[in-house]
Amino acid sequence: MISKVMNIENKLSDAVLAFTLGEEIKARELLLEILDEKPSCFDAWRALAEVHLALNETDDAEQACLMALELEPEDLASVVSLARILVRKGDKDGAEEATSRARILGWKEELAEDS
């Protein structure tokens, strides 16, 4: 079991590196491999949304982002990503709603830090 977790972590690191180097197709392939092994991998869904967005695959980016948010509904980065995706898709109302949600989550985080 430990080797499977390490394999997923290694693939995730490799995918992030590939994306950073501008190798979006390779990053997408690695992330999809991870999700075949572990469909509940939040980090892979969140990263896949960004990769799809970089490839201008906005429908796939939205679906990946929604999967990430299904797993972690309060994740600020995923909500911000969703807003960016919806802007790219031309969904002004959806983007405004996601932006408002992100703003509220950001405030919650700030209040928690100040406590």
PDB file of N, CA and C in Angstrom:
ATOM      1  N   MET A   1       0.824  -1.199   0.000  1.00  0.00           N
ATOM      2  CA  MET A   1       0.000   0.000   0.000  1.00  0.00           C
ATOM      3  C   MET A   1       0.866   1.260   0.000  1.00  0.00           C
ATOM      4  N   ILE A   2       1.942   1.228   0.780  1.00  0.00           N
ATOM      5  CA  ILE A   2       2.833   2.391   0.836  1.00  0.00           C
ATOM      6  C   ILE A   2       3.425   2.667  -0.538  1.00  0.00           C
ATOM      7  N   SER A   3       3.796   1.617  -1.274  1.00  0.00           N
ATOM      8  CA  SER A   3       4.390   1.841  -2.597  1.00  0.00           C
ATOM      9  C   SER A   3       3.379   2.439  -3.569  1.00  0.00           C
ATOM     10  N   LYS A   4       2.103   2.069  -3.422  1.00  0.00           N
ATOM     11  CA  LYS A   4       1.070   2.648  -4.283  1.00  0.00           C
ATOM     12  C   LYS A   4       0.922   4.151  -3.996  1.00  0.00           C
ATOM     13  N   VAL A   5       0.931   4.513  -2.714  1.00  0.00           N
ATOM     14  CA  VAL A   5       0.826   5.921  -2.341  1.00  0.00           C
ATOM     15  C   VAL A   5       2.036   6.687  -2.863  1.00  0.00           C
ATOM     16  N   MET A   6       3.219   6.115  -2.704  1.00  0.00           N
ATOM     17  CA  MET A   6       4.432   6.776  -3.192  1.00  0.00           C
ATOM     18  C   MET A   6       4.400   6.897  -4.704  1.00  0.00           C
ATOM     19  N   ASN A   7       3.889   5.874  -5.388  1.00  0.00           N
ATOM     20  CA  ASN A   7       3.783   5.921  -6.840  1.00  0.00           C
ATOM     21  C   ASN A   7       2.880   7.072  -7.271  1.00  0.00           C
ATOM     22  N   ILE A   8       1.769   7.237  -6.575  1.00  0.00           N
ATOM     23  CA  ILE A   8       0.851   8.327  -6.886  1.00  0.00           C
ATOM     24  C   ILE A   8       1.521   9.665  -6.607  1.00  0.00           C
ATOM     25  N   GLU A   9       2.195   9.780  -5.469  1.00  0.00           N
ATOM     26  CA  GLU A   9       2.886  11.032  -5.138  1.00  0.00           C
ATOM     27  C   GLU A   9       3.976  11.348  -6.159  1.00  0.00           C
ATOM     28  N   ASN A  10       4.711  10.320  -6.596  1.00  0.00           N
ATOM     29  CA  ASN A  10       5.754  10.526  -7.609  1.00  0.00           C
ATOM     30  C   ASN A  10       5.151  10.979  -8.934  1.00  0.00           C
ATOM     31  N   LYS A  11       4.066  10.341  -9.337  1.00  0.00           N
ATOM     32  CA  LYS A  11       3.409  10.737 -10.591  1.00  0.00           C
ATOM     33  C   LYS A  11       2.866  12.161 -10.495  1.00  0.00           C
ATOM     34  N   LEU A  12       2.332  12.501  -9.324  1.00  0.00           N
ATOM     35  CA  LEU A  12       1.809  13.852  -9.137  1.00  0.00           C
ATOM     36  C   LEU A  12       2.944  14.869  -9.250  1.00  0.00           C
ATOM     37  N   SER A  13       4.065  14.586  -8.628  1.00  0.00           N
ATOM     38  CA  SER A  13       5.236  15.476  -8.738  1.00  0.00           C
ATOM     39  C   SER A  13       5.707  15.574 -10.176  1.00  0.00           C
ATOM     40  N   ASP A  14       5.735  14.437 -10.868  1.00  0.00           N
ATOM     41  CA  ASP A  14       6.154  14.435 -12.278  1.00  0.00           C
ATOM     42  C   ASP A  14       5.187  15.246 -13.138  1.00  0.00           C
ATOM     43  N   ALA A  15       3.894  15.134 -12.840  1.00  0.00           N
ATOM     44  CA  ALA A  15       2.891  15.884 -13.602  1.00  0.00           C
ATOM     45  C   ALA A  15       3.049  17.382 -13.382  1.00  0.00           C
ATOM     46  N   VAL A  16       3.276  17.774 -12.143  1.00  0.00           N
ATOM     47  CA  VAL A  16       3.471  19.195 -11.840  1.00  0.00           C
ATOM     48  C   VAL A  16       4.722  19.712 -12.542  1.00  0.00           C
ATOM     49  N   LEU A  17       5.783  18.930 -12.512  1.00  0.00           N
ATOM     50  CA  LEU A  17       7.018  19.325 -13.196  1.00  0.00           C
ATOM     51  C   LEU A  17       6.778  19.451 -14.701  1.00  0.00           C
ATOM     52  N   ALA A  18       6.109  18.469 -15.292  1.00  0.00           N
ATOM     53  CA  ALA A  18       5.827  18.513 -16.731  1.00  0.00           C
ATOM     54  C   ALA A  18       5.018  19.770 -17.073  1.00  0.00           C
ATOM     55  N   PHE A  19       4.014  20.063 -16.278  1.00  0.00           N
ATOM     56  CA  PHE A  19       3.196  21.246 -16.517  1.00  0.00           C
ATOM     57  C   PHE A  19       4.038  22.514 -16.416  1.00  0.00           C
ATOM     58  N   THR A  20       4.895  22.566 -15.408  1.00  0.00           N
ATOM     59  CA  THR A  20       5.776  23.722 -15.219  1.00  0.00           C
ATOM     60  C   THR A  20       6.700  23.921 -16.412  1.00  0.00           C
ATOM     61  N   LEU A  21       7.111  22.820 -17.021  1.00  0.00           N
ATOM     62  CA  LEU A  21       8.008  22.871 -18.172  1.00  0.00           C
ATOM     63  C   LEU A  21       7.263  23.068 -19.495  1.00  0.00           C
ATOM     64  N   GLY A  22       5.944  23.248 -19.415  1.00  0.00           N
ATOM     65  CA  GLY A  22       5.161  23.470 -20.623  1.00  0.00           C
ATOM     66  C   GLY A  22       4.767  22.198 -21.348  1.00  0.00           C
ATOM     67  N   GLU A  23       4.887  21.069 -20.681  1.00  0.00           N
ATOM     68  CA  GLU A  23       4.532  19.776 -21.277  1.00  0.00           C
ATOM     69  C   GLU A  23       3.143  19.361 -20.791  1.00  0.00           C
ATOM     70  N   GLU A  24       2.141  20.107 -21.239  1.00  0.00           N
ATOM     71  CA  GLU A  24       0.783  19.902 -20.751  1.00  0.00           C
ATOM     72  C   GLU A  24       0.227  18.525 -21.097  1.00  0.00           C
ATOM     73  N   ILE A  25       0.529  18.019 -22.291  1.00  0.00           N
ATOM     74  CA  ILE A  25       0.009  16.709 -22.700  1.00  0.00           C
ATOM     75  C   ILE A  25       0.554  15.625 -21.775  1.00  0.00           C
ATOM     76  N   LYS A  26       1.848  15.669 -21.490  1.00  0.00           N
ATOM     77  CA  LYS A  26       2.455  14.701 -20.579  1.00  0.00           C
ATOM     78  C   LYS A  26       1.837  14.821 -19.188  1.00  0.00           C
ATOM     79  N   ALA A  27       1.651  16.054 -18.727  1.00  0.00           N
ATOM     80  CA  ALA A  27       1.040  16.269 -17.412  1.00  0.00           C
ATOM     81  C   ALA A  27      -0.360  15.667 -17.371  1.00  0.00           C
ATOM     82  N   ARG A  28      -1.137  15.916 -18.430  1.00  0.00           N
ATOM     83  CA  ARG A  28      -2.496  15.375 -18.486  1.00  0.00           C
ATOM     84  C   ARG A  28      -2.480  13.852 -18.428  1.00  0.00           C
ATOM     85  N   GLU A  29      -1.575  13.225 -19.186  1.00  0.00           N
ATOM     86  CA  GLU A  29      -1.490  11.760 -19.190  1.00  0.00           C
ATOM     87  C   GLU A  29      -1.168  11.214 -17.803  1.00  0.00           C
ATOM     88  N   LEU A  30      -0.202  11.832 -17.129  1.00  0.00           N
ATOM     89  CA  LEU A  30       0.172  11.384 -15.782  1.00  0.00           C
ATOM     90  C   LEU A  30      -0.983  11.550 -14.800  1.00  0.00           C
ATOM     91  N   LEU A  31      -1.673  12.671 -14.873  1.00  0.00           N
ATOM     92  CA  LEU A  31      -2.794  12.905 -13.965  1.00  0.00           C
ATOM     93  C   LEU A  31      -3.935  11.926 -14.216  1.00  0.00           C
ATOM     94  N   LEU A  32      -4.184  11.617 -15.471  1.00  0.00           N
ATOM     95  CA  LEU A  32      -5.229  10.632 -15.784  1.00  0.00           C
ATOM     96  C   LEU A  32      -4.843   9.245 -15.287  1.00  0.00           C
ATOM     97  N   GLU A  33      -3.555   8.908 -15.347  1.00  0.00           N
ATOM     98  CA  GLU A  33      -3.085   7.632 -14.786  1.00  0.00           C
ATOM     99  C   GLU A  33      -3.345   7.582 -13.283  1.00  0.00           C
ATOM    100  N   ILE A  34      -3.046   8.678 -12.600  1.00  0.00           N
ATOM    101  CA  ILE A  34      -3.293   8.746 -11.162  1.00  0.00           C
ATOM    102  C   ILE A  34      -4.771   8.529 -10.873  1.00  0.00           C
ATOM    103  N   LEU A  35      -5.618   9.200 -11.632  1.00  0.00           N
ATOM    104  CA  LEU A  35      -7.056   9.112 -11.385  1.00  0.00           C
ATOM    105  C   LEU A  35      -7.616   7.741 -11.744  1.00  0.00           C
ATOM    106  N   ASP A  36      -6.964   7.030 -12.661  1.00  0.00           N
ATOM    107  CA  ASP A  36      -7.357   5.637 -12.923  1.00  0.00           C
ATOM    108  C   ASP A  36      -7.085   4.779 -11.693  1.00  0.00           C
ATOM    109  N   GLU A  37      -5.958   5.053 -11.022  1.00  0.00           N
ATOM    110  CA  GLU A  37      -5.572   4.306  -9.827  1.00  0.00           C
ATOM    111  C   GLU A  37      -6.357   4.739  -8.597  1.00  0.00           C
ATOM    112  N   LYS A  38      -6.587   6.049  -8.489  1.00  0.00           N
ATOM    113  CA  LYS A  38      -7.238   6.599  -7.295  1.00  0.00           C
ATOM    114  C   LYS A  38      -8.169   7.741  -7.696  1.00  0.00           C
ATOM    115  N   PRO A  39      -9.402   7.406  -8.046  1.00  0.00           N
ATOM    116  CA  PRO A  39     -10.347   8.435  -8.503  1.00  0.00           C
ATOM    117  C   PRO A  39     -10.659   9.515  -7.458  1.00  0.00           C
ATOM    118  N   SER A  40     -10.327   9.272  -6.217  1.00  0.00           N
ATOM    119  CA  SER A  40     -10.616  10.252  -5.172  1.00  0.00           C
ATOM    120  C   SER A  40      -9.411  11.141  -4.849  1.00  0.00           C
ATOM    121  N   CYS A  41      -8.441  11.191  -5.743  1.00  0.00           N
ATOM    122  CA  CYS A  41      -7.236  11.996  -5.502  1.00  0.00           C
ATOM    123  C   CYS A  41      -7.533  13.467  -5.804  1.00  0.00           C
ATOM    124  N   PHE A  42      -7.817  14.206  -4.750  1.00  0.00           N
ATOM    125  CA  PHE A  42      -8.155  15.624  -4.867  1.00  0.00           C
ATOM    126  C   PHE A  42      -7.084  16.417  -5.618  1.00  0.00           C
ATOM    127  N   ASP A  43      -5.815  16.233  -5.242  1.00  0.00           N
ATOM    128  CA  ASP A  43      -4.737  17.002  -5.866  1.00  0.00           C
ATOM    129  C   ASP A  43      -4.653  16.757  -7.369  1.00  0.00           C
ATOM    130  N   ALA A  44      -4.921  15.538  -7.783  1.00  0.00           N
ATOM    131  CA  ALA A  44      -4.884  15.223  -9.217  1.00  0.00           C
ATOM    132  C   ALA A  44      -6.021  15.919  -9.952  1.00  0.00           C
ATOM    133  N   TRP A  45      -7.221  15.938  -9.365  1.00  0.00           N
ATOM    134  CA  TRP A  45      -8.352  16.623 -10.009  1.00  0.00           C
ATOM    135  C   TRP A  45      -8.087  18.114 -10.119  1.00  0.00           C
ATOM    136  N   ARG A  46      -7.567  18.695  -9.035  1.00  0.00           N
ATOM    137  CA  ARG A  46      -7.296  20.143  -9.049  1.00  0.00           C
ATOM    138  C   ARG A  46      -6.238  20.472 -10.096  1.00  0.00           C
ATOM    139  N   ALA A  47      -5.186  19.676 -10.166  1.00  0.00           N
ATOM    140  CA  ALA A  47      -4.127  19.902 -11.155  1.00  0.00           C
ATOM    141  C   ALA A  47      -4.650  19.676 -12.571  1.00  0.00           C
ATOM    142  N   LEU A  48      -5.471  18.643 -12.739  1.00  0.00           N
ATOM    143  CA  LEU A  48      -6.010  18.347 -14.062  1.00  0.00           C
ATOM    144  C   LEU A  48      -6.867  19.499 -14.584  1.00  0.00           C
ATOM    145  N   ALA A  49      -7.603  20.154 -13.705  1.00  0.00           N
ATOM    146  CA  ALA A  49      -8.395  21.314 -14.123  1.00  0.00           C
ATOM    147  C   ALA A  49      -7.490  22.389 -14.717  1.00  0.00           C
ATOM    148  N   GLU A  50      -6.362  22.643 -14.077  1.00  0.00           N
ATOM    149  CA  GLU A  50      -5.424  23.659 -14.570  1.00  0.00           C
ATOM    150  C   GLU A  50      -4.782  23.243 -15.895  1.00  0.00           C
ATOM    151  N   VAL A  51      -4.467  21.959 -16.007  1.00  0.00           N
ATOM    152  CA  VAL A  51      -3.865  21.461 -17.256  1.00  0.00           C
ATOM    153  C   VAL A  51      -4.862  21.592 -18.405  1.00  0.00           C
ATOM    154  N   HIS A  52      -6.089  21.163 -18.164  1.00  0.00           N
ATOM    155  CA  HIS A  52      -7.122  21.294 -19.206  1.00  0.00           C
ATOM    156  C   HIS A  52      -7.323  22.757 -19.592  1.00  0.00           C
ATOM    157  N   LEU A  53      -7.308  23.638 -18.612  1.00  0.00           N
ATOM    158  CA  LEU A  53      -7.480  25.055 -18.910  1.00  0.00           C
ATOM    159  C   LEU A  53      -6.328  25.562 -19.775  1.00  0.00           C
ATOM    160  N   ALA A  54      -5.111  25.150 -19.455  1.00  0.00           N
ATOM    161  CA  ALA A  54      -3.950  25.559 -20.241  1.00  0.00           C
ATOM    162  C   ALA A  54      -4.052  25.056 -21.682  1.00  0.00           C
ATOM    163  N   LEU A  55      -4.681  23.899 -21.860  1.00  0.00           N
ATOM    164  CA  LEU A  55      -4.868  23.327 -23.198  1.00  0.00           C
ATOM    165  C   LEU A  55      -6.131  23.868 -23.879  1.00  0.00           C
ATOM    166  N   ASN A  56      -6.800  24.809 -23.210  1.00  0.00           N
ATOM    167  CA  ASN A  56      -8.043  25.409 -23.702  1.00  0.00           C
ATOM    168  C   ASN A  56      -9.155  24.372 -23.857  1.00  0.00           C
ATOM    169  N   GLU A  57      -9.132  23.371 -23.004  1.00  0.00           N
ATOM    170  CA  GLU A  57     -10.177  22.340 -22.959  1.00  0.00           C
ATOM    171  C   GLU A  57     -11.112  22.721 -21.800  1.00  0.00           C
ATOM    172  N   THR A  58     -11.900  23.751 -22.048  1.00  0.00           N
ATOM    173  CA  THR A  58     -12.641  24.363 -20.951  1.00  0.00           C
ATOM    174  C   THR A  58     -13.727  23.462 -20.356  1.00  0.00           C
ATOM    175  N   ASP A  59     -14.394  22.670 -21.180  1.00  0.00           N
ATOM    176  CA  ASP A  59     -15.415  21.769 -20.631  1.00  0.00           C
ATOM    177  C   ASP A  59     -14.765  20.734 -19.712  1.00  0.00           C
ATOM    178  N   ASP A  60     -13.645  20.169 -20.155  1.00  0.00           N
ATOM    179  CA  ASP A  60     -12.930  19.191 -19.328  1.00  0.00           C
ATOM    180  C   ASP A  60     -12.356  19.855 -18.081  1.00  0.00           C
ATOM    181  N   ALA A  61     -11.886  21.087 -18.222  1.00  0.00           N
ATOM    182  CA  ALA A  61     -11.355  21.819 -17.067  1.00  0.00           C
ATOM    183  C   ALA A  61     -12.458  22.024 -16.032  1.00  0.00           C
ATOM    184  N   GLU A  62     -13.625  22.410 -16.491  1.00  0.00           N
ATOM    185  CA  GLU A  62     -14.741  22.626 -15.569  1.00  0.00           C
ATOM    186  C   GLU A  62     -15.114  21.332 -14.856  1.00  0.00           C
ATOM    187  N   GLN A  63     -15.193  20.235 -15.607  1.00  0.00           N
ATOM    188  CA  GLN A  63     -15.560  18.956 -14.994  1.00  0.00           C
ATOM    189  C   GLN A  63     -14.523  18.515 -13.957  1.00  0.00           C
ATOM    190  N   ALA A  64     -13.238  18.673 -14.280  1.00  0.00           N
ATOM    191  CA  ALA A  64     -12.184  18.295 -13.328  1.00  0.00           C
ATOM    192  C   ALA A  64     -12.257  19.173 -12.084  1.00  0.00           C
ATOM    193  N   CYS A  65     -12.503  20.442 -12.274  1.00  0.00           N
ATOM    194  CA  CYS A  65     -12.599  21.368 -11.150  1.00  0.00           C
ATOM    195  C   CYS A  65     -13.802  21.018 -10.276  1.00  0.00           C
ATOM    196  N   LEU A  66     -14.910  20.691 -10.891  1.00  0.00           N
ATOM    197  CA  LEU A  66     -16.093  20.300 -10.126  1.00  0.00           C
ATOM    198  C   LEU A  66     -15.857  19.012  -9.347  1.00  0.00           C
ATOM    199  N   MET A  67     -15.082  18.090  -9.916  1.00  0.00           N
ATOM    200  CA  MET A  67     -14.728  16.866  -9.180  1.00  0.00           C
ATOM    201  C   MET A  67     -13.870  17.215  -7.967  1.00  0.00           C
ATOM    202  N   ALA A  68     -12.922  18.117  -8.137  1.00  0.00           N
ATOM    203  CA  ALA A  68     -12.083  18.541  -7.010  1.00  0.00           C
ATOM    204  C   ALA A  68     -12.965  19.164  -5.931  1.00  0.00           C
ATOM    205  N   LEU A  69     -13.897  20.008  -6.336  1.00  0.00           N
ATOM    206  CA  LEU A  69     -14.774  20.664  -5.369  1.00  0.00           C
ATOM    207  C   LEU A  69     -15.756  19.701  -4.716  1.00  0.00           C
ATOM    208  N   GLU A  70     -16.089  18.637  -5.410  1.00  0.00           N
ATOM    209  CA  GLU A  70     -16.930  17.612  -4.790  1.00  0.00           C
ATOM    210  C   GLU A  70     -16.173  16.956  -3.629  1.00  0.00           C
ATOM    211  N   LEU A  71     -14.862  16.778  -3.823  1.00  0.00           N
ATOM    212  CA  LEU A  71     -14.031  16.161  -2.792  1.00  0.00           C
ATOM    213  C   LEU A  71     -13.678  17.139  -1.670  1.00  0.00           C
ATOM    214  N   GLU A  72     -13.455  18.403  -2.020  1.00  0.00           N
ATOM    215  CA  GLU A  72     -13.062  19.442  -1.049  1.00  0.00           C
ATOM    216  C   GLU A  72     -13.849  20.723  -1.344  1.00  0.00           C
ATOM    217  N   PRO A  73     -15.106  20.797  -0.909  1.00  0.00           N
ATOM    218  CA  PRO A  73     -15.964  21.932  -1.268  1.00  0.00           C
ATOM    219  C   PRO A  73     -15.461  23.295  -0.794  1.00  0.00           C
ATOM    220  N   GLU A  74     -14.626  23.340   0.214  1.00  0.00           N
ATOM    221  CA  GLU A  74     -14.161  24.604   0.775  1.00  0.00           C
ATOM    222  C   GLU A  74     -12.760  24.994   0.290  1.00  0.00           C
ATOM    223  N   ASP A  75     -12.265  24.346  -0.763  1.00  0.00           N
ATOM    224  CA  ASP A  75     -10.917  24.640  -1.245  1.00  0.00           C
ATOM    225  C   ASP A  75     -10.920  25.933  -2.054  1.00  0.00           C
ATOM    226  N   LEU A  76     -10.281  26.944  -1.489  1.00  0.00           N
ATOM    227  CA  LEU A  76     -10.258  28.270  -2.111  1.00  0.00           C
ATOM    228  C   LEU A  76      -9.632  28.230  -3.505  1.00  0.00           C
ATOM    229  N   ALA A  77      -8.507  27.540  -3.659  1.00  0.00           N
ATOM    230  CA  ALA A  77      -7.833  27.495  -4.963  1.00  0.00           C
ATOM    231  C   ALA A  77      -8.730  26.889  -6.043  1.00  0.00           C
ATOM    232  N   SER A  78      -9.487  25.873  -5.691  1.00  0.00           N
ATOM    233  CA  SER A  78     -10.382  25.248  -6.669  1.00  0.00           C
ATOM    234  C   SER A  78     -11.529  26.171  -7.049  1.00  0.00           C
ATOM    235  N   VAL A  79     -12.038  26.916  -6.090  1.00  0.00           N
ATOM    236  CA  VAL A  79     -13.124  27.857  -6.395  1.00  0.00           C
ATOM    237  C   VAL A  79     -12.606  28.976  -7.296  1.00  0.00           C
ATOM    238  N   VAL A  80     -11.393  29.449  -7.026  1.00  0.00           N
ATOM    239  CA  VAL A  80     -10.785  30.471  -7.893  1.00  0.00           C
ATOM    240  C   VAL A  80     -10.581  29.907  -9.297  1.00  0.00           C
ATOM    241  N   SER A  81     -10.103  28.664  -9.375  1.00  0.00           N
ATOM    242  CA  SER A  81      -9.936  28.021 -10.687  1.00  0.00           C
ATOM    243  C   SER A  81     -11.262  27.933 -11.430  1.00  0.00           C
ATOM    244  N   LEU A  82     -12.301  27.567 -10.702  1.00  0.00           N
ATOM    245  CA  LEU A  82     -13.620  27.470 -11.338  1.00  0.00           C
ATOM    246  C   LEU A  82     -14.033  28.824 -11.908  1.00  0.00           C
ATOM    247  N   ALA A  83     -13.805  29.890 -11.160  1.00  0.00           N
ATOM    248  CA  ALA A  83     -14.144  31.231 -11.656  1.00  0.00           C
ATOM    249  C   ALA A  83     -13.373  31.532 -12.942  1.00  0.00           C
ATOM    250  N   ARG A  84     -12.073  31.215 -12.952  1.00  0.00           N
ATOM    251  CA  ARG A  84     -11.253  31.460 -14.143  1.00  0.00           C
ATOM    252  C   ARG A  84     -11.743  30.641 -15.338  1.00  0.00           C
ATOM    253  N   ILE A  85     -12.120  29.403 -15.083  1.00  0.00           N
ATOM    254  CA  ILE A  85     -12.619  28.531 -16.148  1.00  0.00           C
ATOM    255  C   ILE A  85     -13.918  29.102 -16.725  1.00  0.00           C
ATOM    256  N   LEU A  86     -14.808  29.521 -15.840  1.00  0.00           N
ATOM    257  CA  LEU A  86     -16.099  30.039 -16.293  1.00  0.00           C
ATOM    258  C   LEU A  86     -15.943  31.356 -17.049  1.00  0.00           C
ATOM    259  N   VAL A  87     -14.969  32.178 -16.653  1.00  0.00           N
ATOM    260  CA  VAL A  87     -14.676  33.395 -17.426  1.00  0.00           C
ATOM    261  C   VAL A  87     -14.260  33.004 -18.840  1.00  0.00           C
ATOM    262  N   ARG A  88     -13.357  32.035 -18.945  1.00  0.00           N
ATOM    263  CA  ARG A  88     -12.868  31.594 -20.257  1.00  0.00           C
ATOM    264  C   ARG A  88     -14.005  31.051 -21.107  1.00  0.00           C
ATOM    265  N   LYS A  89     -14.973  30.383 -20.456  1.00  0.00           N
ATOM    266  CA  LYS A  89     -16.115  29.826 -21.181  1.00  0.00           C
ATOM    267  C   LYS A  89     -17.151  30.888 -21.539  1.00  0.00           C
ATOM    268  N   GLY A  90     -17.018  32.094 -20.968  1.00  0.00           N
ATOM    269  CA  GLY A  90     -17.985  33.145 -21.238  1.00  0.00           C
ATOM    270  C   GLY A  90     -19.214  33.086 -20.350  1.00  0.00           C
ATOM    271  N   ASP A  91     -19.145  32.315 -19.274  1.00  0.00           N
ATOM    272  CA  ASP A  91     -20.260  32.197 -18.332  1.00  0.00           C
ATOM    273  C   ASP A  91     -20.101  33.265 -17.252  1.00  0.00           C
ATOM    274  N   LYS A  92     -20.553  34.474 -17.571  1.00  0.00           N
ATOM    275  CA  LYS A  92     -20.373  35.615 -16.672  1.00  0.00           C
ATOM    276  C   LYS A  92     -21.057  35.401 -15.331  1.00  0.00           C
ATOM    277  N   ASP A  93     -22.293  34.922 -15.346  1.00  0.00           N
ATOM    278  CA  ASP A  93     -23.034  34.718 -14.099  1.00  0.00           C
ATOM    279  C   ASP A  93     -22.359  33.660 -13.223  1.00  0.00           C
ATOM    280  N   GLY A  94     -21.965  32.546 -13.835  1.00  0.00           N
ATOM    281  CA  GLY A  94     -21.291  31.494 -13.082  1.00  0.00           C
ATOM    282  C   GLY A  94     -19.961  31.964 -12.525  1.00  0.00           C
ATOM    283  N   ALA A  95     -19.225  32.746 -13.313  1.00  0.00           N
ATOM    284  CA  ALA A  95     -17.938  33.268 -12.869  1.00  0.00           C
ATOM    285  C   ALA A  95     -18.114  34.229 -11.701  1.00  0.00           C
ATOM    286  N   GLU A  96     -19.143  35.085 -11.781  1.00  0.00           N
ATOM    287  CA  GLU A  96     -19.404  36.016 -10.683  1.00  0.00           C
ATOM    288  C   GLU A  96     -19.787  35.272  -9.412  1.00  0.00           C
ATOM    289  N   GLU A  97     -20.588  34.230  -9.555  1.00  0.00           N
ATOM    290  CA  GLU A  97     -20.987  33.426  -8.391  1.00  0.00           C
ATOM    291  C   GLU A  97     -19.763  32.744  -7.761  1.00  0.00           C
ATOM    292  N   ALA A  98     -18.904  32.155  -8.598  1.00  0.00           N
ATOM    293  CA  ALA A  98     -17.706  31.499  -8.083  1.00  0.00           C
ATOM    294  C   ALA A  98     -16.759  32.514  -7.440  1.00  0.00           C
ATOM    295  N   THR A  99     -16.656  33.698  -8.027  1.00  0.00           N
ATOM    296  CA  THR A  99     -15.800  34.739  -7.458  1.00  0.00           C
ATOM    297  C   THR A  99     -16.320  35.172  -6.093  1.00  0.00           C
ATOM    298  N   SER A 100     -17.619  35.324  -5.960  1.00  0.00           N
ATOM    299  CA  SER A 100     -18.210  35.685  -4.665  1.00  0.00           C
ATOM    300  C   SER A 100     -17.945  34.591  -3.631  1.00  0.00           C
ATOM    301  N   ARG A 101     -18.094  33.373  -4.063  1.00  0.00           N
ATOM    302  CA  ARG A 101     -17.829  32.239  -3.157  1.00  0.00           C
ATOM    303  C   ARG A 101     -16.369  32.229  -2.729  1.00  0.00           C
ATOM    304  N   ALA A 102     -15.464  32.496  -3.663  1.00  0.00           N
ATOM    305  CA  ALA A 102     -14.033  32.547  -3.350  1.00  0.00           C
ATOM    306  C   ALA A 102     -13.742  33.671  -2.357  1.00  0.00           C
ATOM    307  N   ARG A 103     -14.372  34.793  -2.549  1.00  0.00           N
ATOM    308  CA  ARG A 103     -14.173  35.929  -1.639  1.00  0.00           C
ATOM    309  C   ARG A 103     -14.595  35.561  -0.219  1.00  0.00           C
ATOM    310  N   ILE A 104     -15.723  34.901  -0.089  1.00  0.00           N
ATOM    311  CA  ILE A 104     -16.212  34.479   1.231  1.00  0.00           C
ATOM    312  C   ILE A 104     -15.263  33.462   1.857  1.00  0.00           C
ATOM    313  N   LEU A 105     -14.810  32.495   1.059  1.00  0.00           N
ATOM    314  CA  LEU A 105     -13.850  31.514   1.583  1.00  0.00           C
ATOM    315  C   LEU A 105     -12.558  32.189   2.026  1.00  0.00           C
ATOM    316  N   GLY A 106     -12.117  33.178   1.267  1.00  0.00           N
ATOM    317  CA  GLY A 106     -10.908  33.917   1.628  1.00  0.00           C
ATOM    318  C   GLY A 106     -11.079  34.650   2.948  1.00  0.00           C
ATOM    319  N   TRP A 107     -12.240  35.253   3.125  1.00  0.00           N
ATOM    320  CA  TRP A 107     -12.518  35.945   4.385  1.00  0.00           C
ATOM    321  C   TRP A 107     -12.524  34.955   5.546  1.00  0.00           C
ATOM    322  N   LYS A 108     -13.147  33.789   5.326  1.00  0.00           N
ATOM    323  CA  LYS A 108     -13.178  32.765   6.379  1.00  0.00           C
ATOM    324  C   LYS A 108     -11.762  32.361   6.782  1.00  0.00           C
ATOM    325  N   GLU A 109     -10.894  32.183   5.784  1.00  0.00           N
ATOM    326  CA  GLU A 109      -9.508  31.807   6.075  1.00  0.00           C
ATOM    327  C   GLU A 109      -8.811  32.909   6.860  1.00  0.00           C
ATOM    328  N   GLU A 110      -9.022  34.160   6.466  1.00  0.00           N
ATOM    329  CA  GLU A 110      -8.407  35.285   7.184  1.00  0.00           C
ATOM    330  C   GLU A 110      -8.887  35.346   8.625  1.00  0.00           C
ATOM    331  N   LEU A 111     -10.179  35.166   8.829  1.00  0.00           N
ATOM    332  CA  LEU A 111     -10.731  35.197  10.189  1.00  0.00           C
ATOM    333  C   LEU A 111     -10.178  34.055  11.035  1.00  0.00           C
ATOM    334  N   ALA A 112     -10.040  32.884  10.438  1.00  0.00           N
ATOM    335  CA  ALA A 112      -9.492  31.735  11.156  1.00  0.00           C
ATOM    336  C   ALA A 112      -8.042  31.983  11.559  1.00  0.00           C
ATOM    337  N   GLU A 113      -7.278  32.644  10.690  1.00  0.00           N
ATOM    338  CA  GLU A 113      -5.875  32.952  10.995  1.00  0.00           C
ATOM    339  C   GLU A 113      -5.757  33.972  12.111  1.00  0.00           C
ATOM    340  N   ASP A 114      -6.703  34.917  12.167  1.00  0.00           N
ATOM    341  CA  ASP A 114      -6.669  35.974  13.171  1.00  0.00           C
ATOM    342  C   ASP A 114      -7.122  35.481  14.552  1.00  0.00           C
ATOM    343  N   SER A 115      -7.804  34.341  14.580  1.00  0.00           N
ATOM    344  CA  SER A 115      -8.323  33.824  15.867  1.00  0.00           C
ATOM    345  C   SER A 115      -7.242  33.217  16.725  1.00  0.00           C
TER     346      SER A 115
END
